[in-house]
């Protein structure tokens, strides 16, 4: 661990304002905004089944990340060594191992690559994952061990999640996915973290929306390029309106974050497809 901390201090010694801006921008790719852009595009405009498979892998990967963090309870590097000065520490809540940002982008990019089987997607995903991992170390919020474990966990978890999702889909037993909500609800009692509650709210509405679409809405992503562009623009505009307005109306708390992200997930999977 001393070696890992010394590495971060070495990186910190070569920080520049330009690099601060670059890596601060890159680290956002591991946050929910980028995933929302990608998943909404796929679900509304490209391939609905692939979108749900990717979303399931991405969201469950975040859940796994929180469980692993709770098991190991590794402190952040800047709490272990006060000479490490973090940048954007507000993105570094909870424990350090494994890196949530790195794991999430690894899961998202791997799942997209597997779903569409394009070499350039695998290449782009690998590059983005490496850049996000580097950004977390540059910002002083994760060690090399954290980001390496995050990337590996995200990669492996996609194959597990895809196996589960495909198994229920192929056997026509998609309702069994609702069983995942039981441990999720139980975990909310013990993990009192705003980010976890946001993921929980999204996951609840994602699974419910998936089943409602499967049995009742039966949304079709086909349409002209203009129609797809309009869907995407309108869909995102309403989505971020929900994100902003609901926050102003009910404030910030664990329950409020759960409700806000539940409504956002419901818009993506239920209301927007009905409108489109």
Protein backbone atom coordinates (compact mmCIF):
# COMPACT_ATOMS: atom_id res chain seq x y z
CA UNK A 1 0.00 0.00 0.00
CA UNK A 2 2.91 2.38 0.70
CA UNK A 3 4.08 1.89 -2.90
CA UNK A 4 0.57 2.73 -4.18
CA UNK A 5 0.44 5.93 -2.12
CA UNK A 6 3.92 6.96 -3.25
CA UNK A 7 2.80 6.48 -6.85
CA UNK A 8 -0.10 8.89 -6.31
CA UNK A 9 2.24 11.43 -4.75
CA UNK A 10 4.52 11.10 -7.76
CA UNK A 11 1.57 11.74 -10.10
CA UNK A 12 0.50 14.66 -7.94
CA UNK A 13 3.94 16.24 -8.35
CA UNK A 14 3.46 16.61 -12.12
CA UNK A 15 -0.05 18.08 -12.04
CA UNK A 16 -0.73 21.03 -14.32
CA UNK A 17 -3.91 23.14 -14.70
CA UNK A 18 -4.35 21.80 -18.24
CA UNK A 19 -4.05 18.18 -17.12
CA UNK A 20 -6.38 18.89 -14.19
CA UNK A 21 -9.05 20.00 -16.67
CA UNK A 22 -8.41 17.05 -19.01
CA UNK A 23 -8.60 14.34 -16.36
CA UNK A 24 -11.53 16.00 -14.59
CA UNK A 25 -13.42 15.79 -17.89
CA UNK A 26 -12.35 12.20 -18.55
CA UNK A 27 -13.46 10.96 -15.12
CA UNK A 28 -17.04 12.03 -15.94
CA UNK A 29 -17.16 9.13 -18.42
CA UNK A 30 -17.32 6.84 -15.39
CA UNK A 31 -20.36 8.62 -13.95
CA UNK A 32 -24.07 8.28 -14.60
CA UNK A 33 -24.31 11.08 -17.17
CA UNK A 34 -22.31 9.23 -19.82
CA UNK A 35 -24.16 5.96 -19.15
CA UNK A 36 -27.50 7.77 -19.49
CA UNK A 37 -26.49 9.18 -22.87
CA UNK A 38 -25.36 5.77 -24.14
CA UNK A 39 -28.20 3.64 -22.75
CA UNK A 40 -30.93 6.07 -23.82
CA UNK A 41 -29.55 6.16 -27.36
CA UNK A 42 -29.44 2.36 -27.62
CA UNK A 43 -32.83 1.76 -25.98
CA UNK A 44 -34.75 4.41 -27.91
CA UNK A 45 -33.01 4.42 -31.28
CA UNK A 46 -30.82 1.40 -32.00
CA UNK A 47 -31.57 -1.96 -30.38
CA UNK A 48 -33.95 -2.31 -27.45
CA UNK A 49 -32.94 -5.83 -26.43
CA UNK A 50 -29.26 -4.92 -26.48
CA UNK A 51 -30.07 -1.79 -24.46
CA UNK A 52 -31.75 -3.80 -21.73
CA UNK A 53 -28.91 -6.34 -21.61
CA UNK A 54 -26.34 -3.53 -21.38
CA UNK A 55 -28.38 -1.69 -18.76
CA UNK A 56 -28.76 -4.83 -16.65
CA UNK A 57 -25.01 -5.50 -16.75
CA UNK A 58 -24.14 -1.87 -16.01
CA UNK A 59 -26.54 -1.39 -13.09
CA UNK A 60 -25.82 -4.74 -11.44
CA UNK A 61 -22.09 -4.04 -11.79
CA UNK A 62 -22.56 -0.88 -9.72
CA UNK A 63 -24.45 -2.90 -7.12
CA UNK A 64 -21.66 -5.48 -6.97
CA UNK A 65 -19.16 -2.66 -6.57
CA UNK A 66 -20.92 -1.36 -3.49
CA UNK A 67 -21.11 -4.82 -1.92
CA UNK A 68 -17.39 -5.43 -2.50
CA UNK A 69 -16.55 -2.03 -1.01
CA UNK A 70 -18.60 -2.84 2.07
CA UNK A 71 -16.76 -6.15 2.48
CA UNK A 72 -13.21 -4.76 2.23
CA UNK A 73 -13.81 -1.25 3.64
CA UNK A 74 -10.58 0.18 2.21
CA UNK A 75 -10.17 3.89 3.04
CA UNK A 76 -9.53 6.46 0.32
CA UNK A 77 -5.84 7.16 -0.32
CA UNK A 78 -6.18 10.81 0.69
CA UNK A 79 -7.46 9.72 4.11
CA UNK A 80 -4.53 7.34 4.56
CA UNK A 81 -1.97 9.97 3.57
CA UNK A 82 -2.90 13.61 4.19
CA UNK A 83 -0.22 14.81 1.75
CA UNK A 84 -2.32 13.43 -1.12
CA UNK A 85 -4.62 16.26 -2.21
CA UNK A 86 -7.68 15.02 -4.12
CA UNK A 87 -9.32 16.83 -7.01
CA UNK A 88 -13.12 16.61 -7.17
CA UNK A 89 -13.33 14.70 -3.87
CA UNK A 90 -17.13 14.95 -4.11
CA UNK A 91 -16.92 12.09 -6.65
CA UNK A 92 -15.03 9.99 -4.12
CA UNK A 93 -17.64 9.04 -1.54
CA UNK A 94 -17.57 5.79 0.38
CA UNK A 95 -14.74 3.28 0.35
CA UNK A 96 -11.93 3.08 -2.19
CA UNK A 97 -11.62 -0.57 -3.33
CA UNK A 98 -12.53 -1.29 -6.08
CA UNK A 99 -12.91 1.90 -8.13
CA UNK A 100 -16.58 2.45 -8.97
CA UNK A 101 -15.88 4.79 -11.88
CA UNK A 102 -13.44 2.34 -13.47
CA UNK A 103 -15.69 -0.66 -12.89
CA UNK A 104 -18.74 1.10 -14.32
CA UNK A 105 -17.04 2.23 -17.53
CA UNK A 106 -15.42 -1.20 -17.94
CA UNK A 107 -18.82 -2.88 -17.57
CA UNK A 108 -20.53 -0.41 -19.90
CA UNK A 109 -17.90 -0.55 -22.65
CA UNK A 110 -17.49 -4.34 -22.45
CA UNK A 111 -21.24 -4.88 -22.60
CA UNK A 112 -21.62 -2.54 -25.58
CA UNK A 113 -18.77 -4.31 -27.38
CA UNK A 114 -20.25 -7.77 -26.76
CA UNK A 115 -23.74 -6.65 -27.83
CA UNK A 116 -22.69 -5.12 -31.15
CA UNK A 117 -19.51 -7.15 -31.84
CA UNK A 118 -17.58 -4.33 -33.51
CA UNK A 119 -13.79 -4.21 -33.20
CA UNK A 120 -13.76 -0.43 -32.99
CA UNK A 121 -16.15 -0.57 -30.03
CA UNK A 122 -13.83 -2.96 -28.17
CA UNK A 123 -10.88 -0.69 -28.94
CA UNK A 124 -12.69 2.48 -27.94
CA UNK A 125 -13.98 0.81 -24.78
CA UNK A 126 -10.50 -0.33 -23.77
CA UNK A 127 -9.03 3.13 -24.34
CA UNK A 128 -11.82 4.88 -22.43
CA UNK A 129 -11.53 2.44 -19.52
CA UNK A 130 -7.77 3.02 -19.29
CA UNK A 131 -8.25 6.79 -19.43
CA UNK A 132 -10.87 6.74 -16.67
CA UNK A 133 -8.60 4.55 -14.54
CA UNK A 134 -5.74 7.01 -15.08
CA UNK A 135 -8.01 9.93 -14.23
CA UNK A 136 -8.99 8.40 -10.89
CA UNK A 137 -5.32 8.06 -9.94
CA UNK A 138 -4.43 11.51 -11.27
CA UNK A 139 -7.22 13.04 -9.20
CA UNK A 140 -5.81 11.29 -6.13
CA UNK A 141 -8.98 9.39 -5.24
CA UNK A 142 -7.89 5.81 -6.10
CA UNK A 143 -4.75 3.70 -6.11
CA UNK A 144 -3.52 1.47 -8.94
CA UNK A 145 -4.92 -1.56 -7.08
CA UNK A 146 -8.35 0.09 -6.86
CA UNK A 147 -8.62 0.85 -10.57
CA UNK A 148 -7.15 -2.50 -11.68
CA UNK A 149 -9.63 -4.38 -9.49
CA UNK A 150 -12.46 -2.19 -10.78
CA UNK A 151 -11.61 -2.84 -14.43
CA UNK A 152 -11.26 -6.61 -13.93
CA UNK A 153 -14.44 -6.87 -11.86
CA UNK A 154 -16.44 -4.88 -14.41
CA UNK A 155 -15.16 -7.05 -17.26
CA UNK A 156 -15.89 -10.35 -15.52
CA UNK A 157 -19.27 -9.22 -14.20
CA UNK A 158 -20.58 -8.44 -17.71
CA UNK A 159 -20.27 -12.11 -18.67
CA UNK A 160 -22.08 -13.19 -15.49
CA UNK A 161 -24.84 -10.62 -15.98
CA UNK A 162 -25.25 -11.52 -19.65
CA UNK A 163 -25.54 -15.20 -18.74
CA UNK A 164 -28.31 -14.46 -16.24
CA UNK A 165 -30.14 -12.05 -18.55
CA UNK A 166 -29.95 -14.37 -21.58
CA UNK A 167 -30.95 -17.41 -19.52
CA UNK A 168 -34.18 -15.79 -18.30
CA UNK A 169 -34.87 -14.33 -21.74
CA UNK A 170 -34.33 -17.57 -23.66
CA UNK A 171 -36.50 -19.55 -21.27
CA UNK A 172 -39.25 -16.91 -21.20
CA UNK A 173 -38.82 -16.45 -17.44
CA UNK A 174 -37.99 -12.75 -17.36
CA UNK A 175 -40.10 -12.29 -14.23
CA UNK A 176 -37.39 -14.12 -12.28
CA UNK A 177 -35.25 -10.98 -12.63
CA UNK A 178 -37.52 -9.36 -10.05
CA UNK A 179 -35.83 -11.60 -7.46
CA UNK A 180 -32.84 -9.26 -7.71
CA UNK A 181 -34.94 -6.56 -6.07
CA UNK A 182 -35.10 -8.50 -2.79
CA UNK A 183 -31.39 -8.31 -1.86
CA UNK A 184 -31.31 -4.80 -3.30
CA UNK A 185 -34.07 -3.64 -0.96
CA UNK A 186 -32.41 -5.39 1.97
CA UNK A 187 -29.06 -3.75 1.19
CA UNK A 188 -30.68 -0.30 1.30
CA UNK A 189 -31.21 -0.83 5.02
CA UNK A 190 -27.48 -1.16 5.66
CA UNK A 191 -25.78 0.85 2.90
CA UNK A 192 -26.77 4.44 3.67
CA UNK A 193 -25.12 6.04 0.67
CA UNK A 194 -26.71 8.53 -1.74
CA UNK A 195 -25.06 7.02 -4.81
CA UNK A 196 -26.26 3.55 -3.83
CA UNK A 197 -29.81 4.83 -3.44
CA UNK A 198 -29.62 6.45 -6.89
CA UNK A 199 -28.51 3.14 -8.39
CA UNK A 200 -31.25 1.33 -6.46
CA UNK A 201 -33.95 3.69 -7.71
CA UNK A 202 -32.76 3.30 -11.29
CA UNK A 203 -32.50 -0.49 -10.98
CA UNK A 204 -36.02 -0.85 -9.58
CA UNK A 205 -37.58 1.19 -12.37
CA UNK A 206 -35.31 -0.40 -15.00
CA UNK A 207 -36.46 -3.94 -14.21
CA UNK A 208 -40.10 -2.94 -13.84
CA UNK A 209 -39.95 -0.94 -17.08
CA UNK A 210 -38.28 -3.84 -18.89
CA UNK A 211 -41.11 -6.18 -17.94
CA UNK A 212 -43.86 -3.65 -18.72
CA UNK A 213 -42.37 -3.07 -22.15
CA UNK A 214 -41.92 -6.80 -22.73
CA UNK A 215 -45.53 -7.68 -21.98
CA UNK A 216 -47.48 -4.52 -22.80
CA UNK A 217 -45.67 -1.68 -24.62
CA UNK A 218 -43.55 -3.76 -27.04
CA UNK A 219 -41.61 -0.68 -28.15
CA UNK A 220 -40.03 -0.72 -31.62
CA UNK A 221 -36.83 1.26 -32.23
CA UNK A 222 -37.32 1.43 -36.00
CA UNK A 223 -37.93 4.76 -37.75
CA UNK A 224 -36.28 7.34 -39.94
CA UNK A 225 -33.07 9.09 -38.92
CA UNK A 226 -35.03 12.29 -38.26
CA UNK A 227 -37.49 10.44 -36.01
CA UNK A 228 -34.64 8.88 -34.04
CA UNK A 229 -32.85 12.21 -33.63
CA UNK A 230 -36.07 13.85 -32.39
CA UNK A 231 -36.73 10.97 -29.98
CA UNK A 232 -33.26 11.28 -28.54
CA UNK A 233 -33.37 15.07 -28.16
CA UNK A 234 -36.87 15.12 -26.65
CA UNK A 235 -36.16 12.11 -24.46
CA UNK A 236 -32.99 13.58 -22.98
CA UNK A 237 -34.58 17.02 -22.53
CA UNK A 238 -37.42 15.55 -20.47
CA UNK A 239 -35.05 13.25 -18.62
CA UNK A 240 -32.82 16.06 -17.39
CA UNK A 241 -35.88 18.19 -16.63
CA UNK A 242 -37.04 15.39 -14.31
CA UNK A 243 -33.57 15.17 -12.77
CA UNK A 244 -33.50 18.93 -12.09
CA UNK A 245 -37.11 19.69 -11.16
CA UNK A 246 -37.65 16.71 -8.87
CA UNK A 247 -34.48 17.63 -6.99
CA UNK A 248 -35.82 21.16 -6.47
CA UNK A 249 -39.21 19.87 -5.36
CA UNK A 250 -38.17 17.19 -2.86
CA UNK A 251 -34.57 18.15 -2.10
CA UNK A 252 -31.71 15.79 -1.40
CA UNK A 253 -31.90 12.82 0.93
CA UNK A 254 -31.62 9.08 0.59
CA UNK A 255 -35.35 8.70 -0.09
CA UNK A 256 -35.40 11.72 -2.42
CA UNK A 257 -32.49 10.36 -4.46
CA UNK A 258 -34.21 6.99 -4.75
CA UNK A 259 -37.45 8.59 -5.95
CA UNK A 260 -35.68 10.93 -8.39
CA UNK A 261 -33.72 8.18 -10.08
CA UNK A 262 -36.71 5.84 -10.04
CA UNK A 263 -38.66 8.46 -12.00
CA UNK A 264 -35.76 8.95 -14.40
CA UNK A 265 -35.57 5.20 -15.01
CA UNK A 266 -39.34 5.02 -15.48
CA UNK A 267 -39.14 7.78 -18.09
CA UNK A 268 -36.42 5.94 -20.01
CA UNK A 269 -38.12 2.53 -19.97
CA UNK A 270 -41.87 3.28 -19.77
CA UNK A 271 -43.02 6.84 -20.41
CA UNK A 272 -40.67 7.72 -23.28
CA UNK A 273 -41.36 4.51 -25.23
CA UNK A 274 -45.10 5.12 -24.81
CA UNK A 275 -44.70 8.68 -26.09
CA UNK A 276 -42.50 7.67 -29.01
